Amino acid sequence: MLMPSIFAENLFDDLFDNFHYPARPQRPAKGSELGVMKTDIKENETGYDLAVELPGLKKEDMKIELKDGYMTISAESKREDSEKDDKGNFIRCERYYGKSSRSFYVGEAVTQEDIKAKYEDGILKISVPKKELKPEIPEAKYITIEG
């Protein structure tokens, strides 16, 4: 039965856990299936340092896109847990899927080459420099007059 969930938890899960059914395996902790991209942002003299929590993911599961002055961080997680009995029949088969993205305005002067990113120990570290868009000085183009 599908029930509405509140804060990534099914409201009636704990109520019916041991009522005529064997105990179910523990679910992942709240927020661990990419529900929220927790981000710390620190400003320094030359730019901004972002630390995005993405535990349990591989570098291939995430991407950073820069478009129209916005940097978008996207991550996707797929996982399957299953148990089989001695005859090879499934006792339990669960699939988890999570997708999350978050955007930050970094300015239109920042280019792809300016942004540095590194992923280690479940933390995606991104450095974005401070850059101001320099106003373009209109270049006068003259047309020669023959005659």
Protein backbone atom coordinates (compact mmCIF):
# COMPACT_ATOMS: atom_id res chain seq x y z
CA MET A 1 0.00 0.00 0.00
CA LEU A 2 1.35 3.41 -0.92
CA MET A 3 1.13 6.00 1.77
CA PRO A 4 2.20 9.62 1.70
CA SER A 5 5.61 10.16 3.16
CA ILE A 6 6.80 12.95 5.37
CA PHE A 7 10.47 13.91 5.42
CA ALA A 8 11.50 10.86 3.32
CA GLU A 9 9.99 8.46 5.88
CA ASN A 10 6.77 6.53 5.47
CA LEU A 11 4.44 7.60 8.24
CA PHE A 12 3.20 4.07 9.09
CA ASP A 13 6.43 2.06 8.64
CA ASP A 14 7.29 1.78 12.33
CA LEU A 15 3.70 1.08 13.35
CA PHE A 16 3.40 -2.07 11.24
CA ASP A 17 7.01 -3.29 11.31
CA ASN A 18 6.59 -6.37 13.51
CA PHE A 19 2.87 -6.91 13.14
CA HIS A 20 2.38 -10.29 11.35
CA TYR A 21 5.44 -9.64 9.18
CA PRO A 22 9.09 -10.48 9.71
CA ALA A 23 11.32 -7.57 10.53
CA ARG A 24 12.40 -5.58 7.52
CA PRO A 25 15.99 -4.56 6.93
CA GLN A 26 17.03 -1.10 8.03
CA ARG A 27 16.45 1.67 5.54
CA PRO A 28 19.20 4.13 4.74
CA ALA A 29 19.39 7.17 6.97
CA LYS A 30 17.41 10.26 6.08
CA GLY A 31 19.04 12.33 3.36
CA SER A 32 21.46 9.59 2.35
CA GLU A 33 19.60 8.77 -0.88
CA LEU A 34 20.34 12.23 -2.30
CA GLY A 35 17.38 13.92 -0.73
CA VAL A 36 19.36 17.04 0.15
CA MET A 37 22.72 18.31 -1.07
CA LYS A 38 24.16 19.81 2.10
CA THR A 39 26.59 22.53 1.10
CA ASP A 40 29.04 24.70 3.03
CA ILE A 41 30.21 27.89 1.29
CA LYS A 42 33.22 29.86 2.51
CA GLU A 43 34.34 33.15 1.07
CA ASN A 44 38.02 33.96 0.85
CA GLU A 45 39.97 36.82 -0.71
CA THR A 46 40.08 35.34 -4.21
CA GLY A 47 36.79 33.47 -4.44
CA TYR A 48 34.47 30.92 -2.87
CA ASP A 49 35.06 27.38 -1.63
CA LEU A 50 32.10 25.00 -1.68
CA ALA A 51 31.97 21.66 0.15
CA VAL A 52 29.04 19.51 -1.00
CA GLU A 53 28.20 16.32 0.93
CA LEU A 54 27.65 13.42 -1.49
CA PRO A 55 28.47 10.29 0.52
CA GLY A 56 28.51 6.88 -1.12
CA LEU A 57 28.71 8.17 -4.68
CA LYS A 58 31.35 7.72 -7.33
CA LYS A 59 32.87 10.55 -9.30
CA GLU A 60 31.04 9.23 -12.39
CA ASP A 61 27.64 9.71 -10.65
CA MET A 62 27.95 13.51 -10.54
CA LYS A 63 28.44 16.37 -12.96
CA ILE A 64 28.94 20.12 -12.79
CA GLU A 65 27.54 22.33 -15.53
CA LEU A 66 28.17 26.03 -16.13
CA LYS A 67 25.55 27.87 -18.17
CA ASP A 68 24.51 31.54 -18.29
CA GLY A 69 26.41 32.36 -15.09
CA TYR A 70 24.86 29.50 -13.09
CA MET A 71 26.85 26.51 -11.86
CA THR A 72 24.61 23.44 -11.47
CA ILE A 73 25.76 20.40 -9.50
CA SER A 74 23.83 17.20 -10.33
CA ALA A 75 24.14 13.76 -8.76
CA GLU A 76 22.36 10.47 -9.36
CA SER A 77 22.44 7.31 -7.28
CA LYS A 78 21.18 3.86 -8.21
CA ARG A 79 21.45 0.86 -5.91
CA GLU A 80 19.91 -2.57 -5.69
CA ASP A 81 19.92 -4.84 -2.64
CA SER A 82 18.68 -8.39 -2.94
CA GLU A 83 18.73 -11.63 -1.00
CA LYS A 84 18.18 -15.14 -2.36
CA ASP A 85 17.44 -18.40 -0.61
CA ASP A 86 19.36 -21.67 -1.10
CA LYS A 87 17.44 -22.45 -4.31
CA GLY A 88 18.22 -19.07 -5.87
CA ASN A 89 14.74 -17.62 -5.38
CA PHE A 90 14.46 -14.02 -4.29
CA ILE A 91 13.52 -13.46 -0.67
CA ARG A 92 13.93 -9.72 -0.92
CA CYS A 93 14.77 -7.35 -3.77
CA GLU A 94 14.87 -3.59 -3.20
CA ARG A 95 15.88 -0.80 -5.53
CA TYR A 96 16.87 2.70 -4.50
CA TYR A 97 17.09 5.64 -6.86
CA GLY A 98 17.92 9.19 -6.02
CA LYS A 99 18.59 12.26 -8.10
CA SER A 100 19.38 15.74 -6.89
CA SER A 101 20.70 18.99 -8.27
CA ARG A 102 21.54 22.40 -6.93
CA SER A 103 22.39 25.65 -8.72
CA PHE A 104 24.51 28.60 -7.65
CA TYR A 105 24.93 31.92 -9.42
CA VAL A 106 28.67 32.45 -9.96
CA GLY A 107 28.55 35.28 -12.49
CA GLU A 108 28.81 35.41 -16.25
CA ALA A 109 32.52 36.31 -16.16
CA VAL A 110 33.45 32.92 -14.65
CA THR A 111 34.46 30.32 -17.25
CA GLN A 112 34.68 26.54 -17.12
CA GLU A 113 38.48 26.72 -16.86
CA ASP A 114 38.26 28.96 -13.77
CA ILE A 115 36.33 26.42 -11.66
CA LYS A 116 38.29 23.63 -9.94
CA ALA A 117 36.60 20.55 -8.45
CA LYS A 118 37.84 17.55 -6.46
CA TYR A 119 35.91 14.63 -4.94
CA GLU A 120 37.29 12.74 -1.95
CA ASP A 121 35.85 11.01 1.13
CA GLY A 122 32.25 11.75 0.13
CA ILE A 123 32.83 15.51 -0.16
CA LEU A 124 32.84 17.37 -3.48
CA LYS A 125 35.11 20.41 -3.08
CA ILE A 126 34.68 23.22 -5.60
CA SER A 127 36.68 26.45 -5.90
CA VAL A 128 35.10 29.35 -7.77
CA PRO A 129 37.06 32.57 -8.27
CA LYS A 130 35.57 36.03 -7.85
CA LYS A 131 35.37 37.69 -11.23
CA GLU A 132 33.53 40.75 -12.36
CA LEU A 133 32.17 41.13 -15.84
CA LYS A 134 34.11 43.95 -17.43
CA PRO A 135 31.92 46.24 -19.47
CA GLU A 136 32.63 45.99 -23.13
CA ILE A 137 33.89 49.19 -24.64
CA PRO A 138 32.12 49.71 -27.92
CA GLU A 139 34.62 49.65 -30.71
CA ALA A 140 33.96 52.23 -33.37
CA LYS A 141 33.98 50.83 -36.87
CA TYR A 142 34.44 53.35 -39.60
CA ILE A 143 33.43 52.96 -43.19
CA THR A 144 35.72 54.46 -45.77
CA ILE A 145 34.18 56.97 -48.11
CA GLU A 146 35.20 56.66 -51.70
CA GLY A 147 35.35 59.57 -54.03
